[in-house]
N, C-alpha and C. Protein backbone atom coordinates (compact mmCIF):
# COMPACT_ATOMS: atom_id res chain seq x y z
N MET A 1 16.24 -12.81 -16.05
CA MET A 1 16.91 -11.95 -15.07
C MET A 1 16.07 -10.70 -14.79
N TYR A 2 15.65 -10.04 -15.87
CA TYR A 2 14.85 -8.83 -15.71
C TYR A 2 13.55 -9.13 -15.00
N ASP A 3 12.90 -10.22 -15.40
CA ASP A 3 11.63 -10.61 -14.78
C ASP A 3 11.80 -10.93 -13.31
N GLU A 4 12.91 -11.56 -12.95
CA GLU A 4 13.18 -11.87 -11.55
C GLU A 4 13.36 -10.60 -10.73
N ASN A 5 14.09 -9.64 -11.28
CA ASN A 5 14.29 -8.37 -10.59
C ASN A 5 12.98 -7.61 -10.45
N LEU A 6 12.17 -7.63 -11.48
CA LEU A 6 10.88 -6.96 -11.44
C LEU A 6 9.99 -7.60 -10.37
N LYS A 7 10.01 -8.91 -10.29
CA LYS A 7 9.20 -9.61 -9.29
C LYS A 7 9.67 -9.26 -7.88
N GLU A 8 10.96 -9.19 -7.66
CA GLU A 8 11.50 -8.81 -6.35
C GLU A 8 11.10 -7.38 -5.98
N ILE A 9 11.14 -6.50 -6.95
CA ILE A 9 10.74 -5.11 -6.72
C ILE A 9 9.26 -5.04 -6.37
N GLN A 10 8.43 -5.79 -7.09
CA GLN A 10 7.00 -5.82 -6.80
C GLN A 10 6.74 -6.33 -5.38
N ILE A 11 7.46 -7.35 -4.97
CA ILE A 11 7.29 -7.90 -3.61
C ILE A 11 7.64 -6.85 -2.58
N GLU A 12 8.73 -6.16 -2.78
CA GLU A 12 9.15 -5.11 -1.84
C GLU A 12 8.17 -3.94 -1.82
N LEU A 13 7.69 -3.55 -2.99
CA LEU A 13 6.71 -2.47 -3.06
C LEU A 13 5.40 -2.86 -2.37
N CYS A 14 4.99 -4.09 -2.55
CA CYS A 14 3.78 -4.57 -1.87
C CYS A 14 3.96 -4.51 -0.36
N SER A 15 5.08 -4.94 0.10
CA SER A 15 5.37 -4.90 1.53
C SER A 15 5.35 -3.46 2.05
N LEU A 16 5.98 -2.59 1.32
CA LEU A 16 6.01 -1.18 1.70
C LEU A 16 4.60 -0.58 1.72
N CYS A 17 3.80 -0.89 0.72
CA CYS A 17 2.42 -0.39 0.67
C CYS A 17 1.61 -0.91 1.86
N LYS A 18 1.73 -2.18 2.16
CA LYS A 18 0.99 -2.76 3.28
C LYS A 18 1.39 -2.11 4.60
N ASP A 19 2.69 -1.90 4.79
CA ASP A 19 3.16 -1.24 6.00
C ASP A 19 2.62 0.18 6.09
N PHE A 20 2.64 0.88 4.98
CA PHE A 20 2.14 2.26 4.94
C PHE A 20 0.66 2.30 5.27
N ILE A 21 -0.11 1.40 4.68
CA ILE A 21 -1.55 1.35 4.93
C ILE A 21 -1.83 1.08 6.41
N GLN A 22 -1.08 0.17 6.99
CA GLN A 22 -1.26 -0.12 8.42
C GLN A 22 -0.94 1.10 9.27
N TYR A 23 0.11 1.81 8.92
CA TYR A 23 0.48 3.00 9.67
C TYR A 23 -0.61 4.07 9.55
N ILE A 24 -1.10 4.30 8.36
CA ILE A 24 -2.14 5.30 8.16
C ILE A 24 -3.43 4.89 8.87
N LYS A 25 -3.74 3.59 8.88
CA LYS A 25 -4.91 3.10 9.60
C LYS A 25 -4.77 3.37 11.10
N LYS A 26 -3.58 3.17 11.62
CA LYS A 26 -3.32 3.46 13.03
C LYS A 26 -3.57 4.94 13.33
N LEU A 27 -3.12 5.80 12.45
CA LEU A 27 -3.35 7.24 12.64
C LEU A 27 -4.85 7.56 12.62
N GLU A 28 -5.56 6.90 11.74
CA GLU A 28 -7.01 7.10 11.69
C GLU A 28 -7.66 6.59 12.99
N ASP A 29 -7.26 5.41 13.43
CA ASP A 29 -7.82 4.83 14.66
C ASP A 29 -7.56 5.71 15.88
N GLU A 30 -6.44 6.41 15.86
CA GLU A 30 -6.08 7.31 16.97
C GLU A 30 -6.64 8.71 16.77
N SER A 31 -7.44 8.89 15.74
CA SER A 31 -8.07 10.18 15.41
C SER A 31 -7.06 11.28 15.10
N VAL A 32 -5.92 10.88 14.61
CA VAL A 32 -4.92 11.85 14.17
C VAL A 32 -5.28 12.37 12.78
N ILE A 33 -5.84 11.48 11.97
CA ILE A 33 -6.32 11.87 10.64
C ILE A 33 -7.77 11.41 10.48
N SER A 34 -8.47 12.02 9.57
CA SER A 34 -9.87 11.66 9.32
C SER A 34 -9.93 10.45 8.38
N HIS A 35 -11.13 9.91 8.26
CA HIS A 35 -11.33 8.79 7.34
C HIS A 35 -11.08 9.24 5.90
N GLU A 36 -11.47 10.45 5.58
CA GLU A 36 -11.23 10.97 4.23
C GLU A 36 -9.73 11.06 3.94
N GLU A 37 -8.96 11.49 4.92
CA GLU A 37 -7.50 11.54 4.75
C GLU A 37 -6.94 10.13 4.57
N TYR A 38 -7.45 9.20 5.36
CA TYR A 38 -7.03 7.81 5.21
C TYR A 38 -7.26 7.35 3.78
N LEU A 39 -8.45 7.60 3.26
CA LEU A 39 -8.76 7.18 1.90
C LEU A 39 -7.86 7.85 0.87
N THR A 40 -7.63 9.12 1.06
CA THR A 40 -6.77 9.88 0.14
C THR A 40 -5.36 9.29 0.09
N HIS A 41 -4.83 8.95 1.25
CA HIS A 41 -3.44 8.49 1.32
C HIS A 41 -3.27 7.01 0.97
N THR A 42 -4.34 6.24 1.00
CA THR A 42 -4.21 4.81 0.75
C THR A 42 -4.78 4.35 -0.59
N GLU A 43 -5.54 5.17 -1.24
CA GLU A 43 -6.22 4.76 -2.46
C GLU A 43 -5.27 4.17 -3.50
N LYS A 44 -4.21 4.86 -3.84
CA LYS A 44 -3.29 4.40 -4.87
C LYS A 44 -2.54 3.14 -4.44
N LYS A 45 -2.24 3.05 -3.16
CA LYS A 45 -1.53 1.86 -2.67
C LYS A 45 -2.42 0.63 -2.76
N ILE A 46 -3.68 0.79 -2.40
CA ILE A 46 -4.63 -0.32 -2.48
C ILE A 46 -4.86 -0.71 -3.95
N ASP A 47 -4.96 0.26 -4.82
CA ASP A 47 -5.11 -0.03 -6.26
C ASP A 47 -3.90 -0.82 -6.78
N PHE A 48 -2.72 -0.41 -6.37
CA PHE A 48 -1.50 -1.11 -6.78
C PHE A 48 -1.51 -2.55 -6.28
N LEU A 49 -1.85 -2.74 -5.01
CA LEU A 49 -1.88 -4.09 -4.45
C LEU A 49 -2.89 -4.97 -5.18
N ASN A 50 -4.04 -4.42 -5.48
CA ASN A 50 -5.05 -5.18 -6.21
C ASN A 50 -4.57 -5.53 -7.62
N LYS A 51 -3.92 -4.59 -8.26
CA LYS A 51 -3.41 -4.84 -9.62
C LYS A 51 -2.34 -5.93 -9.61
N VAL A 52 -1.41 -5.86 -8.69
CA VAL A 52 -0.32 -6.82 -8.62
C VAL A 52 -0.86 -8.22 -8.29
N ASN A 53 -1.86 -8.28 -7.45
CA ASN A 53 -2.41 -9.59 -7.08
C ASN A 53 -3.17 -10.26 -8.22
N HIS A 54 -3.54 -9.50 -9.23
CA HIS A 54 -4.26 -10.06 -10.35
C HIS A 54 -3.37 -10.36 -11.56
N ILE A 55 -2.10 -10.10 -11.40
CA ILE A 55 -1.15 -10.35 -12.52
C ILE A 55 -0.71 -11.80 -12.49
């Protein structure tokens, strides 16, 4: 039960991270934020996605 809930939470968090990264990328593409800001705001999300995909 706990493992199932944890897996569901991970799936939702991955989805949220991906959506956030896409939104931040759009802001970068529109020159609203710099590439450095993009990296700052997405680094932890990308690390999380990579970690979850290797579990």
